[in-house]
N, C-alpha and C. Protein backbone atom coordinates (compact mmCIF):
# COMPACT_ATOMS: atom_id res chain seq x y z
N MET A 1 1.04 -1.13 -0.06
CA MET A 1 0.17 0.37 -0.02
C MET A 1 0.56 0.95 0.15
N ALA A 2 0.74 2.33 -0.62
CA ALA A 2 1.52 3.09 -1.04
C ALA A 2 1.09 3.92 0.64
N LYS A 3 2.23 4.51 0.58
CA LYS A 3 1.91 5.67 1.50
C LYS A 3 1.28 7.72 1.22
N PRO A 4 0.46 7.82 1.87
CA PRO A 4 0.29 9.03 1.59
C PRO A 4 1.09 10.13 1.32
N LYS A 5 1.42 10.96 0.65
CA LYS A 5 2.30 11.92 0.29
C LYS A 5 2.32 12.82 1.22
N ALA A 6 3.00 13.81 2.52
CA ALA A 6 2.86 14.30 2.81
C ALA A 6 2.94 16.13 2.33
N PRO A 7 1.71 16.68 3.34
CA PRO A 7 1.40 17.73 2.74
C PRO A 7 2.87 18.95 2.64
N PRO A 8 2.63 19.28 1.47
CA PRO A 8 3.85 20.79 1.27
C PRO A 8 4.13 22.05 2.74
N THR A 9 5.15 22.00 2.73
CA THR A 9 5.52 22.76 4.33
C THR A 9 5.63 24.42 3.30
N GLU A 10 5.76 24.63 4.86
CA GLU A 10 5.87 26.41 3.88
C GLU A 10 7.08 26.55 2.94
N ILE A 11 7.73 26.01 3.63
CA ILE A 11 9.09 26.10 3.02
C ILE A 11 8.42 26.13 1.07
N HIS A 12 8.10 24.45 0.82
CA HIS A 12 8.49 24.31 -0.18
C HIS A 12 7.45 25.30 -0.88
N TRP A 13 6.23 25.12 -0.56
CA TRP A 13 5.46 26.32 -0.74
C TRP A 13 6.21 27.91 -1.21
N LEU A 14 6.72 28.05 -0.23
CA LEU A 14 7.31 29.25 -0.63
C LEU A 14 8.97 28.91 -1.63
N MET A 15 8.92 28.16 -1.28
CA MET A 15 10.70 28.02 -2.87
C MET A 15 9.96 28.03 -4.44
N LYS A 16 8.59 27.51 -4.32
CA LYS A 16 7.93 27.30 -5.69
C LYS A 16 7.85 28.74 -6.26
N PRO A 17 6.94 29.91 -6.03
CA PRO A 17 7.16 31.03 -6.55
C PRO A 17 8.49 32.01 -6.68
N ILE A 18 9.73 31.61 -5.69
CA ILE A 18 11.06 31.90 -5.54
C ILE A 18 11.77 31.53 -6.98
N LEU A 19 11.29 30.31 -7.24
CA LEU A 19 12.05 29.42 -8.83
C LEU A 19 11.40 29.94 -10.17
N ARG A 20 9.91 30.52 -9.59
CA ARG A 20 9.20 30.77 -10.56
C ARG A 20 10.03 31.66 -10.86
N PHE A 21 9.81 32.69 -9.67
CA PHE A 21 10.79 34.33 -10.17
C PHE A 21 12.04 34.25 -10.59
N ALA A 22 13.05 33.67 -10.29
CA ALA A 22 14.18 33.07 -10.48
C ALA A 22 14.45 33.08 -11.93
N THR A 23 13.88 32.51 -12.41
CA THR A 23 13.52 31.36 -13.91
C THR A 23 12.55 32.69 -14.32
N ARG A 24 12.12 33.71 -14.54
CA ARG A 24 11.70 34.75 -15.23
C ARG A 24 12.10 35.81 -15.34
N TYR A 25 13.12 36.24 -14.57
CA TYR A 25 13.99 37.38 -14.23
C TYR A 25 15.19 37.24 -14.36
N LEU A 26 16.22 36.09 -14.44
CA LEU A 26 17.07 36.01 -14.84
C LEU A 26 17.91 36.45 -16.07
N LEU A 27 16.64 36.20 -17.53
CA LEU A 27 17.45 36.81 -18.51
C LEU A 27 17.56 38.16 -18.35
N LEU A 28 16.60 38.37 -17.75
CA LEU A 28 16.71 40.62 -16.97
C LEU A 28 17.73 40.41 -16.58
N PHE A 29 18.03 40.36 -15.46
CA PHE A 29 18.64 40.67 -15.16
C PHE A 29 20.75 40.91 -15.68
N LEU A 30 20.38 39.10 -16.33
CA LEU A 30 22.02 39.40 -17.00
C LEU A 30 22.14 40.48 -17.96
N VAL A 31 20.78 40.75 -18.72
CA VAL A 31 20.75 41.49 -19.54
C VAL A 31 22.08 42.95 -18.64
N LEU A 32 20.51 43.35 -17.35
CA LEU A 32 21.22 44.99 -17.03
C LEU A 32 22.42 45.00 -16.67
N PHE A 33 22.66 43.58 -15.69
CA PHE A 33 23.66 43.74 -14.77
C PHE A 33 25.51 44.00 -15.72
N ILE A 34 25.39 42.76 -16.85
CA ILE A 34 26.13 43.63 -17.58
C ILE A 34 26.29 44.44 -18.93
N SER A 35 25.28 45.19 -19.21
CA SER A 35 25.04 46.11 -19.41
C SER A 35 25.55 47.55 -18.31
N LEU A 36 25.42 47.90 -17.31
CA LEU A 36 25.60 48.57 -16.55
C LEU A 36 26.74 48.44 -15.98
N ASN A 37 27.67 47.12 -16.18
CA ASN A 37 29.02 47.27 -16.11
C ASN A 37 29.93 47.67 -16.96
N GLY A 38 29.45 47.54 -18.28
CA GLY A 38 30.22 47.95 -19.63
C GLY A 38 30.74 49.14 -19.56
N ILE A 39 28.72 50.00 -19.23
CA ILE A 39 29.07 51.30 -18.71
C ILE A 39 30.16 52.38 -17.94
N SER A 40 29.98 51.03 -16.91
CA SER A 40 30.96 51.56 -15.96
C SER A 40 32.19 51.36 -15.83
N LEU A 41 32.74 50.50 -17.03
CA LEU A 41 33.77 50.06 -17.35
C LEU A 41 34.65 51.63 -18.26
N ILE A 42 34.11 51.83 -18.60
CA ILE A 42 33.96 53.41 -20.11
C ILE A 42 35.12 54.08 -18.89
N PRO A 43 36.19 54.52 -19.00
CA PRO A 43 37.13 55.19 -18.58
C PRO A 43 36.70 56.75 -17.65
N LYS A 44 35.99 57.37 -18.86
CA LYS A 44 35.17 58.64 -18.07
C LYS A 44 34.18 58.58 -16.69
N VAL A 45 33.91 57.11 -17.52
CA VAL A 45 31.72 57.06 -16.66
C VAL A 45 32.43 56.91 -14.77
N GLY A 46 33.59 55.60 -15.28
CA GLY A 46 34.34 55.00 -14.27
C GLY A 46 35.30 56.67 -13.14
N ALA A 47 35.66 57.35 -14.18
CA ALA A 47 36.00 58.73 -13.46
C ALA A 47 35.38 59.18 -12.55
N ILE A 48 33.94 59.88 -13.53
CA ILE A 48 33.73 60.21 -12.50
C ILE A 48 33.06 59.85 -11.29
N CYS A 49 32.14 58.11 -11.40
CA CYS A 49 31.80 57.57 -10.54
C CYS A 49 32.53 57.60 -9.12
N ASN A 50 33.84 57.50 -9.07
CA ASN A 50 35.12 57.46 -8.64
C ASN A 50 35.09 59.15 -7.64
N GLN A 51 35.09 59.79 -8.26
CA GLN A 51 35.16 60.89 -7.53
C GLN A 51 34.16 61.47 -7.27
N ILE A 52 32.84 61.29 -7.25
CA ILE A 52 31.65 61.07 -6.20
C ILE A 52 31.80 60.39 -5.38
N TYR A 53 31.80 59.32 -5.43
CA TYR A 53 32.67 58.41 -4.17
C TYR A 53 33.19 59.14 -3.29
N LEU A 54 34.06 59.69 -3.62
CA LEU A 54 35.99 60.20 -2.87
C LEU A 54 35.33 61.09 -2.04
N LYS A 55 34.90 62.25 -2.05
CA LYS A 55 34.70 63.77 -2.12
C LYS A 55 33.55 63.10 -0.48
N PRO A 56 32.53 62.62 -0.17
CA PRO A 56 32.01 62.64 0.79
C PRO A 56 32.57 61.60 1.93
N THR A 57 32.98 60.47 1.27
CA THR A 57 33.45 58.81 1.51
C THR A 57 35.12 60.05 2.78
N GLU A 58 35.65 61.11 1.99
CA GLU A 58 36.96 61.43 2.66
C GLU A 58 36.44 62.52 3.75
N SER A 59 35.97 63.03 3.59
CA SER A 59 34.87 63.99 4.97
C SER A 59 34.81 63.25 5.68
N ILE A 60 33.85 61.99 5.47
CA ILE A 60 33.82 60.83 6.67
C ILE A 60 35.33 60.55 7.38
N LEU A 61 35.94 60.14 6.48
CA LEU A 61 37.03 59.35 7.23
C LEU A 61 37.65 60.34 7.85
N LYS A 62 38.00 61.61 7.49
CA LYS A 62 38.58 62.60 7.96
C LYS A 62 38.32 62.60 9.79
N THR A 63 36.51 62.59 9.93
CA THR A 63 35.99 63.04 11.30
C THR A 63 36.25 61.75 12.04
N MET A 64 36.18 60.31 11.51
CA MET A 64 36.10 59.08 11.87
C MET A 64 37.95 58.67 12.15
N LEU A 65 38.49 59.41 11.84
CA LEU A 65 39.23 59.12 12.09
C LEU A 65 41.10 60.02 12.53
N PRO A 66 40.82 61.42 13.46
CA PRO A 66 41.09 62.68 13.83
C PRO A 66 42.52 62.71 14.02
N LYS A 67 43.09 61.35 14.07
CA LYS A 67 43.98 61.52 14.18
C LYS A 67 45.26 61.30 13.32
N ALA A 68 44.37 61.03 12.62
CA ALA A 68 45.26 60.75 10.75
C ALA A 68 45.44 61.95 9.72
N TYR A 69 46.52 62.26 9.05
CA TYR A 69 45.88 63.49 8.38
C TYR A 69 45.89 62.74 6.76
N LEU A 70 44.36 62.46 6.41
CA LEU A 70 44.73 61.53 4.84
C LEU A 70 43.71 62.46 3.83
N GLN A 71 44.40 61.96 2.54
CA GLN A 71 43.54 61.92 1.13
C GLN A 71 43.16 61.14 0.48
N LEU A 72 42.34 61.56 0.20
CA LEU A 72 41.80 59.97 -0.79
C LEU A 72 41.66 60.64 -2.34
N LYS A 73 42.64 59.66 -3.58
CA LYS A 73 43.08 60.15 -4.46
C LYS A 73 42.88 59.04 -5.53
N PRO A 74 41.88 59.51 -6.42
CA PRO A 74 42.67 58.24 -7.97
C PRO A 74 43.60 58.36 -8.45
N SER A 75 43.94 57.06 -8.82
CA SER A 75 45.28 57.36 -9.12
C SER A 75 44.91 57.22 -10.95
N PRO A 76 46.26 58.17 -10.85
CA PRO A 76 46.96 58.85 -12.21
C PRO A 76 46.32 57.49 -13.26
N GLU A 77 46.99 56.60 -12.97
CA GLU A 77 47.09 55.17 -13.90
C GLU A 77 46.23 54.56 -13.98
N SER A 78 45.58 54.41 -13.30
CA SER A 78 43.72 54.13 -13.71
C SER A 78 43.23 54.39 -12.48
N PRO A 79 41.44 54.98 -13.12
CA PRO A 79 40.25 55.37 -12.45
C PRO A 79 40.03 54.76 -11.31
N ASP A 80 40.32 53.76 -11.96
CA ASP A 80 39.32 52.70 -11.09
C ASP A 80 40.43 52.44 -9.60
N VAL A 81 40.93 52.40 -9.06
CA VAL A 81 42.83 52.54 -8.11
C VAL A 81 42.20 53.76 -7.12
N ILE A 82 41.93 53.82 -6.05
CA ILE A 82 41.77 54.88 -5.48
C ILE A 82 42.66 54.48 -4.48
N ARG A 83 43.84 55.79 -3.77
CA ARG A 83 44.52 56.16 -3.71
C ARG A 83 44.55 56.94 -2.15
N ILE A 84 44.94 56.43 -1.32
CA ILE A 84 44.98 56.71 0.67
C ILE A 84 46.06 57.27 0.83
N GLU A 85 46.43 58.81 1.09
CA GLU A 85 48.03 58.90 1.30
C GLU A 85 47.14 59.69 2.90
N TYR A 86 47.89 58.99 3.93
CA TYR A 86 47.91 59.20 5.28
C TYR A 86 49.20 59.24 5.91
N ALA A 87 49.36 60.03 7.16
CA ALA A 87 49.93 60.90 8.01
C ALA A 87 49.80 60.51 9.39
N SER A 88 50.34 60.70 10.14
CA SER A 88 50.17 61.04 11.50
C SER A 88 50.21 62.36 11.72
N LYS A 89 49.09 62.50 12.26
CA LYS A 89 49.01 64.25 12.19
C LYS A 89 49.43 65.18 13.38
N LYS A 90 49.87 64.75 14.75
CA LYS A 90 50.64 64.75 15.30
C LYS A 90 52.25 64.95 15.00
N GLN A 91 52.47 63.92 13.81
CA GLN A 91 53.88 63.60 13.29
C GLN A 91 53.57 65.43 12.20
N VAL A 92 52.73 65.54 11.17
CA VAL A 92 52.52 66.20 10.37
C VAL A 92 53.25 68.20 11.44
N ASP A 93 52.09 67.84 12.28
CA ASP A 93 52.47 69.09 12.62
C ASP A 93 53.72 69.40 13.19
N GLU A 94 54.28 68.87 13.69
CA GLU A 94 55.51 68.88 14.31
C GLU A 94 56.40 69.06 12.91
N GLN A 95 56.24 68.74 11.66
CA GLN A 95 57.52 68.49 10.64
C GLN A 95 56.56 70.11 10.11
N VAL A 96 55.45 70.82 10.51
CA VAL A 96 55.14 72.11 9.53
C VAL A 96 55.45 72.77 10.67
N ASN A 97 55.57 72.81 12.01
CA ASN A 97 56.70 74.03 13.16
C ASN A 97 58.14 73.76 12.73
N ALA A 98 58.50 72.70 12.72
CA ALA A 98 59.85 72.77 11.96
C ALA A 98 60.66 73.51 10.31
N ALA A 99 59.68 73.27 9.74
CA ALA A 99 59.70 74.44 8.64
C ALA A 99 59.37 75.24 9.00
N ARG A 100 58.55 76.40 9.77
CA ARG A 100 59.03 77.49 10.57
C ARG A 100 59.41 77.80 11.01
N THR A 101 59.79 77.35 11.99
CA THR A 101 60.95 77.85 12.32
C THR A 101 62.28 77.76 11.93
N ALA A 102 62.76 76.88 10.59
CA ALA A 102 63.49 76.83 9.85
C ALA A 102 64.02 77.66 8.91
N LYS A 103 62.69 78.73 8.53
CA LYS A 103 62.19 79.47 7.91
C LYS A 103 62.09 78.74 6.37
N GLN A 104 61.73 78.00 6.48
CA GLN A 104 60.96 77.18 4.47
C GLN A 104 60.31 77.02 4.34
N ALA A 105 59.96 77.49 2.39
CA ALA A 105 59.11 78.29 1.93
C ALA A 105 58.10 77.08 1.96
N THR A 106 58.88 75.25 2.26
CA THR A 106 57.83 74.58 2.00
C THR A 106 57.71 73.44 2.65
N THR A 107 57.13 72.48 3.09
CA THR A 107 56.83 71.71 3.94
C THR A 107 56.98 70.16 3.72
N PRO A 108 58.09 68.60 3.72
CA PRO A 108 58.39 68.39 3.39
C PRO A 108 57.42 67.32 4.32
N ILE A 109 56.20 66.47 3.52
CA ILE A 109 55.62 65.68 4.10
C ILE A 109 55.60 64.26 3.77
N ASN A 110 55.92 63.55 5.51
CA ASN A 110 56.60 62.19 5.24
C ASN A 110 55.70 61.31 5.32
N GLY A 111 54.30 60.73 3.94
CA GLY A 111 53.61 59.97 4.25
C GLY A 111 53.26 58.65 3.93
N MET A 112 52.56 57.63 3.80
CA MET A 112 52.09 56.49 3.49
C MET A 112 51.03 56.78 2.04
N GLU A 113 50.93 55.41 1.64
CA GLU A 113 50.00 55.16 1.45
C GLU A 113 49.14 53.47 0.70
N LEU A 114 47.95 53.25 0.63
CA LEU A 114 47.19 52.72 0.97
C LEU A 114 46.37 52.11 -0.55
N THR A 115 46.11 51.86 -1.01
CA THR A 115 45.37 51.70 -2.70
C THR A 115 44.39 50.91 -2.47
N ILE A 116 43.11 50.82 -2.55
CA ILE A 116 42.39 49.51 -2.94
C ILE A 116 41.43 50.36 -4.21
N LYS A 117 40.69 48.80 -4.55
CA LYS A 117 40.00 48.45 -6.13
C LYS A 117 38.97 49.12 -5.82
N PHE A 118 38.87 50.41 -6.39
CA PHE A 118 37.44 51.07 -6.49
C PHE A 118 36.16 49.76 -7.15
N TYR A 119 36.41 49.50 -8.89
CA TYR A 119 35.54 48.69 -8.39
C TYR A 119 35.40 46.92 -7.38
N ASN A 120 35.90 46.90 -7.55
CA ASN A 120 36.11 45.73 -6.63
C ASN A 120 35.16 45.70 -5.50
N THR A 121 35.49 46.64 -4.86
CA THR A 121 35.40 47.29 -3.44
C THR A 121 34.10 47.87 -3.38
N PHE A 122 33.50 48.01 -4.60
CA PHE A 122 32.38 48.76 -3.97
C PHE A 122 31.35 49.26 -5.52
N LEU A 123 32.07 49.66 -6.85
CA LEU A 123 30.77 49.93 -7.82
C LEU A 123 30.34 48.52 -8.54
N VAL A 124 30.56 47.73 -8.41
CA VAL A 124 30.45 45.99 -9.09
C VAL A 124 29.16 45.83 -8.37
N LEU A 125 29.26 45.64 -6.98
CA LEU A 125 28.52 45.48 -5.86
C LEU A 125 27.26 46.23 -5.72
N TYR A 126 27.27 47.49 -6.47
CA TYR A 126 26.60 48.48 -6.14
C TYR A 126 25.66 48.22 -7.64
N ILE A 127 26.23 48.12 -8.83
CA ILE A 127 25.55 47.66 -9.48
C ILE A 127 24.79 46.53 -9.61
N PHE A 128 25.40 45.93 -8.61
CA PHE A 128 24.27 44.54 -8.38
C PHE A 128 23.58 44.75 -7.60
N LEU A 129 22.73 45.57 -7.15
CA LEU A 129 22.17 46.40 -5.90
C LEU A 129 21.15 46.83 -6.39
N ILE A 130 21.80 48.10 -7.98
CA ILE A 130 20.99 48.52 -8.73
C ILE A 130 20.01 47.90 -9.65
N THR A 131 21.21 46.51 -10.47
CA THR A 131 20.44 45.45 -11.35
C THR A 131 18.84 45.29 -10.16
N LEU A 132 19.26 44.45 -9.06
CA LEU A 132 18.05 43.64 -7.88
C LEU A 132 17.23 44.45 -7.57
N THR A 133 17.58 45.92 -7.79
CA THR A 133 15.85 46.74 -7.31
C THR A 133 15.45 47.15 -8.31
N LEU A 134 16.09 46.89 -9.92
CA LEU A 134 15.02 47.49 -11.18
C LEU A 134 14.51 46.38 -11.76
N ILE A 135 14.71 45.00 -10.79
CA ILE A 135 13.71 44.01 -11.79
C ILE A 135 13.11 43.74 -10.88
N SER A 136 12.89 44.16 -9.47
CA SER A 136 11.98 43.87 -8.24
C SER A 136 10.36 44.01 -8.51
N PRO A 137 9.97 42.50 -8.37
CA PRO A 137 8.02 43.04 -8.82
C PRO A 137 7.88 43.80 -8.02
N VAL A 138 7.65 45.25 -8.17
CA VAL A 138 7.17 46.06 -7.79
C VAL A 138 7.21 47.80 -8.21
N SER A 139 6.42 48.57 -8.00
CA SER A 139 6.22 49.58 -8.15
C SER A 139 7.05 50.45 -9.15
N TRP A 140 6.74 50.96 -9.78
CA TRP A 140 8.13 52.44 -10.00
C TRP A 140 8.44 53.29 -8.90
N LYS A 141 7.95 53.70 -7.93
CA LYS A 141 7.88 54.77 -7.17
C LYS A 141 8.28 53.67 -6.15
N ASP A 142 8.09 52.11 -5.93
CA ASP A 142 8.38 51.42 -4.69
C ASP A 142 10.41 51.22 -4.81
N LYS A 143 10.30 50.80 -6.64
CA LYS A 143 11.74 50.96 -6.69
C LYS A 143 12.30 52.37 -6.63
N ALA A 144 12.29 53.47 -6.69
CA ALA A 144 12.68 54.78 -6.99
C ALA A 144 13.07 54.66 -4.97
N TYR A 145 12.34 54.52 -4.41
CA TYR A 145 12.37 54.58 -2.79
C TYR A 145 13.29 53.47 -2.27
N ASN A 146 12.98 52.16 -3.01
CA ASN A 146 14.48 51.26 -2.61
C ASN A 146 15.72 51.65 -2.96
N LEU A 147 15.94 51.56 -4.25
CA LEU A 147 17.29 52.26 -4.74
C LEU A 147 17.71 53.37 -3.30
N ILE A 148 17.07 54.69 -3.82
CA ILE A 148 17.61 55.49 -2.33
C ILE A 148 18.13 54.88 -1.01
N ILE A 149 17.20 54.34 -0.72
CA ILE A 149 17.72 53.61 0.86
C ILE A 149 18.45 53.05 0.51
N GLY A 150 18.19 52.11 -0.25
CA GLY A 150 19.85 51.01 -0.47
C GLY A 150 21.11 51.59 -0.38
N SER A 151 20.82 52.61 -1.11
CA SER A 151 21.98 52.78 -1.87
C SER A 151 22.36 53.87 -0.66
N VAL A 152 22.12 54.32 -0.20
CA VAL A 152 22.59 55.05 1.43
C VAL A 152 22.65 54.46 2.63
N LEU A 153 21.85 52.80 2.83
CA LEU A 153 22.34 51.91 3.76
C LEU A 153 23.59 51.15 3.01
N PHE A 154 23.67 50.93 1.89
CA PHE A 154 24.72 50.23 1.39
C PHE A 154 26.49 51.28 1.73
N TYR A 155 26.19 52.07 0.81
CA TYR A 155 27.80 52.92 1.03
C TYR A 155 28.05 53.60 2.72
N LEU A 156 27.05 53.71 3.78
CA LEU A 156 27.13 53.58 4.89
C LEU A 156 28.02 52.05 5.08
N TYR A 157 27.36 51.02 5.11
CA TYR A 157 28.26 50.01 5.19
C TYR A 157 29.41 49.53 4.69
N LYS A 158 29.66 50.30 3.58
CA LYS A 158 31.33 50.25 2.73
C LYS A 158 31.37 51.55 3.64
N THR A 159 31.29 51.95 4.01
CA THR A 159 32.43 53.06 4.41
C THR A 159 32.47 52.54 5.95
N LEU A 160 32.00 51.72 6.57
CA LEU A 160 32.31 51.46 7.87
C LEU A 160 33.23 50.85 7.38
N LYS A 161 33.51 49.33 6.14
CA LYS A 161 34.31 49.00 6.65
C LYS A 161 35.52 48.99 5.39
N LEU A 162 35.71 50.69 5.52
CA LEU A 162 36.89 50.91 4.57
C LEU A 162 37.21 52.14 5.97
N TYR A 163 36.48 52.04 6.59
CA TYR A 163 37.49 53.33 7.73
C TYR A 163 37.46 51.76 9.28
N LEU A 164 37.32 50.29 9.34
CA LEU A 164 37.62 49.43 10.13
C LEU A 164 39.03 49.64 9.29
N LEU A 165 39.21 49.17 7.80
CA LEU A 165 40.71 48.74 7.29
C LEU A 165 41.31 50.14 7.59
N CYS A 166 41.49 51.02 7.24
CA CYS A 166 42.27 52.06 7.80
C CYS A 166 42.51 52.03 9.46
N LEU A 167 41.84 51.69 10.42
CA LEU A 167 42.14 51.77 11.83
C LEU A 167 43.00 50.84 11.93
N VAL A 168 42.56 49.71 11.11
CA VAL A 168 43.68 48.10 11.37
C VAL A 168 44.83 48.52 11.43
N THR A 169 45.13 49.51 9.90
CA THR A 169 46.17 49.56 9.07
C THR A 169 47.04 50.79 9.54
N PHE A 170 46.51 51.77 10.30
CA PHE A 170 46.68 52.89 11.40
C PHE A 170 47.40 52.64 12.61
N ALA A 171 46.36 51.53 13.05
CA ALA A 171 47.12 51.03 14.28
C ALA A 171 47.82 49.88 14.60
N HIS A 172 48.87 49.80 13.02
CA HIS A 172 49.46 48.30 12.77
C HIS A 172 50.72 48.65 13.18
N PRO A 173 52.00 48.04 14.32
CA PRO A 173 52.94 48.14 15.28
C PRO A 173 53.49 49.88 13.93
N ASN A 174 54.56 49.11 13.03
CA ASN A 174 55.49 50.00 12.29
C ASN A 174 54.71 50.88 11.36
N ILE A 175 53.38 51.40 12.51
CA ILE A 175 52.79 53.10 11.79
C ILE A 175 52.62 53.80 12.79
N GLY A 176 51.39 53.13 13.60
CA GLY A 176 51.73 53.83 15.51
C GLY A 176 50.61 55.14 15.22
N ILE A 177 49.83 54.80 13.95
CA ILE A 177 48.86 56.68 14.68
C ILE A 177 47.87 56.69 15.37
N TYR A 178 47.42 54.76 15.48
CA TYR A 178 46.18 55.02 16.57
C TYR A 178 47.34 53.43 17.72
N HIS A 179 46.26 53.58 18.62
CA HIS A 179 46.86 52.22 19.01
C HIS A 179 46.43 51.49 19.78
N LEU A 180 45.56 50.78 19.82
CA LEU A 180 44.27 49.60 19.97
C LEU A 180 45.48 48.24 20.63
N SER A 181 44.53 48.22 21.76
CA SER A 181 44.88 46.55 22.57
C SER A 181 44.89 45.31 21.85
N ASP A 182 45.47 44.29 22.13
CA ASP A 182 46.31 43.31 21.37
C ASP A 182 44.79 42.79 20.48
N PHE A 183 43.90 43.15 22.41
CA PHE A 183 42.46 41.93 21.57
C PHE A 183 41.75 42.50 20.56
N TRP A 184 42.02 44.30 21.15
CA TRP A 184 40.78 44.83 19.83
C TRP A 184 41.48 45.07 17.76
N TYR A 185 42.77 44.68 18.15
CA TYR A 185 43.59 44.71 17.08
C TYR A 185 43.39 43.45 15.97
N LYS A 186 43.11 42.54 16.96
CA LYS A 186 42.99 41.10 16.67
C LYS A 186 41.17 41.48 16.27
N ALA A 187 40.51 41.57 17.42
CA ALA A 187 38.68 41.32 16.79
C ALA A 187 38.66 42.46 15.13
N PHE A 188 39.11 43.52 15.16
CA PHE A 188 38.60 43.68 13.86
C PHE A 188 40.00 43.40 12.75
N GLN A 189 40.60 43.11 12.89
CA GLN A 189 41.15 42.19 11.33
C GLN A 189 40.22 40.88 11.14
N ALA A 190 39.81 40.05 12.30
CA ALA A 190 38.64 38.87 12.12
C ALA A 190 37.62 39.68 11.41
N ILE A 191 36.77 40.86 12.17
CA ILE A 191 35.64 41.56 11.69
C ILE A 191 36.55 41.58 9.97
N LEU A 192 37.49 42.51 9.47
CA LEU A 192 37.29 42.96 8.35
C LEU A 192 37.50 41.41 7.02
N SER A 193 38.59 40.47 7.79
CA SER A 193 38.48 38.71 6.99
C SER A 193 36.66 38.10 6.94
N PHE A 194 36.22 38.31 7.35
CA PHE A 194 35.00 38.12 7.63
C PHE A 194 34.39 38.68 6.54
N LEU A 195 34.18 39.63 6.52
CA LEU A 195 33.37 40.67 5.41
C LEU A 195 34.17 40.76 4.90
N ALA A 196 34.24 40.05 3.78
CA ALA A 196 34.96 40.07 2.55
C ALA A 196 33.83 40.07 1.16
N VAL A 197 34.33 39.89 0.37
CA VAL A 197 33.47 39.86 -0.96
C VAL A 197 32.21 39.07 -1.03
N GLY A 198 32.39 37.93 -0.18
CA GLY A 198 30.83 37.05 -0.64
C GLY A 198 30.19 37.60 0.82
N THR A 199 30.63 38.16 2.04
CA THR A 199 29.86 38.33 2.92
C THR A 199 29.53 39.93 2.13
N ASP A 200 29.54 40.73 1.34
CA ASP A 200 29.39 41.65 0.23
C ASP A 200 27.75 41.71 -0.48
N MET A 201 27.82 40.22 -0.16
CA MET A 201 26.79 40.20 -1.93
C MET A 201 25.94 39.40 -1.41
N VAL A 202 25.76 39.12 0.40
CA VAL A 202 24.92 38.55 1.59
C VAL A 202 24.21 40.15 1.67
N VAL A 203 24.85 40.87 2.51
CA VAL A 203 24.17 42.05 2.90
C VAL A 203 24.12 43.25 1.74
N VAL A 204 24.18 42.59 0.17
CA VAL A 204 23.42 43.66 -0.83
C VAL A 204 22.21 42.22 -0.73
N LEU A 205 21.86 41.59 -1.24
CA LEU A 205 20.77 40.49 -1.09
C LEU A 205 19.70 41.15 0.22
N VAL A 206 21.15 40.69 1.25
CA VAL A 206 19.39 40.71 2.87
C VAL A 206 18.82 42.09 2.08
N LEU A 207 19.36 43.41 1.65
CA LEU A 207 19.23 44.99 1.56
C LEU A 207 17.62 44.93 0.96
N TRP A 208 18.11 44.47 -0.14
CA TRP A 208 17.34 43.98 -1.80
C TRP A 208 15.75 43.73 -1.30
N ALA A 209 16.24 42.01 0.07
CA ALA A 209 14.95 41.99 -0.34
C ALA A 209 14.66 42.44 1.04
N MET A 210 14.89 43.32 2.40
CA MET A 210 14.39 43.90 3.29
C MET A 210 13.89 45.01 2.66
N LEU A 211 13.95 45.67 1.34
CA LEU A 211 13.33 46.65 1.18
C LEU A 211 12.19 46.63 0.21
N THR A 212 12.46 45.64 -0.54
CA THR A 212 11.48 45.14 -1.32
C THR A 212 10.75 44.19 -0.96
N PHE A 213 10.61 43.35 0.05
CA PHE A 213 9.31 42.61 0.62
C PHE A 213 8.79 42.78 1.94
N ARG A 214 9.13 44.36 2.82
CA ARG A 214 8.99 45.30 3.31
C ARG A 214 7.24 45.18 3.62
N ASN A 215 7.32 44.35 4.70
CA ASN A 215 4.73 44.91 4.80
C ASN A 215 4.65 43.94 3.97
N LYS A 216 5.33 43.22 3.02
CA LYS A 216 4.54 42.53 1.59
C LYS A 216 4.63 40.57 2.15
N LYS A 217 3.55 40.66 1.72
CA LYS A 217 3.73 38.94 1.65
C LYS A 217 4.07 37.88 0.28
N TRP A 218 5.64 37.35 0.49
CA TRP A 218 6.66 37.42 -0.60
C TRP A 218 5.53 36.00 -1.77
N GLY A 219 4.43 35.66 -1.12
CA GLY A 219 3.36 34.81 -2.60
C GLY A 219 2.49 35.78 -3.78
N GLU A 220 2.31 37.03 -2.73
CA GLU A 220 1.49 38.20 -3.82
C GLU A 220 2.36 38.62 -5.30
N LEU A 221 3.94 38.61 -4.21
CA LEU A 221 4.93 39.39 -5.12
C LEU A 221 5.42 38.34 -6.22
N LEU A 222 5.50 37.17 -6.04
CA LEU A 222 6.18 36.41 -6.80
C LEU A 222 5.30 35.57 -7.54
N LYS A 223 3.68 35.69 -7.22
CA LYS A 223 3.25 34.44 -8.09
C LYS A 223 3.05 35.25 -9.60
N PRO A 224 2.67 34.19 -10.75
CA PRO A 224 2.65 34.70 -11.71
C PRO A 224 1.53 35.74 -12.11
N LYS A 225 1.68 36.79 -12.35
CA LYS A 225 0.54 37.98 -13.16
C LYS A 225 -0.12 37.02 -14.62
N GLY A 226 -1.64 37.73 -13.72
CA GLY A 226 -2.12 36.85 -15.33
C GLY A 226 -2.70 35.79 -14.98
């Protein structure tokens, strides 16, 4: 005698519309994602995106890291590379005062440099968020709202990650702009290791899902129309 089939669980019920949604929008996602990536890789477009990102980020980092003198600049060789030039403010002030005492016309600043890939660390993930938002099964008004809020939250997340990178770099024993206990130094290093590219993609997916499906039933959004 055949055993009766178990009733579908809530997870099985939810997976069906999700799979239909994924299949229906996969091609649209690929076309839009590849197109936006191609546009972003045009040197002039990449340079503009880089500049838009640099201005507020530099101000935020200067506020969060007051002991460091730092500047964020695009690399002359490639707009995809961001150069973070930094030095101890205390040392810079000492060098400036010494130059004034010696009546020097210019003040040589002994600084260091940290480089990051703008496309890998920010732009491609932001394009991923934009693409998911634009193909979402919600109204254009909701898409605009989700894109604005999602952009702000994603930017704050990436800025926090960049802050941790700078803090760990500045707290290195050979640099010493900041001094952290051994516990906190290793803790921040572990957090940075955890927040890898894979984690970044999960963060994007969580932001997209939270905004797209807020106050809505998944089944109603994912069910086929008509």
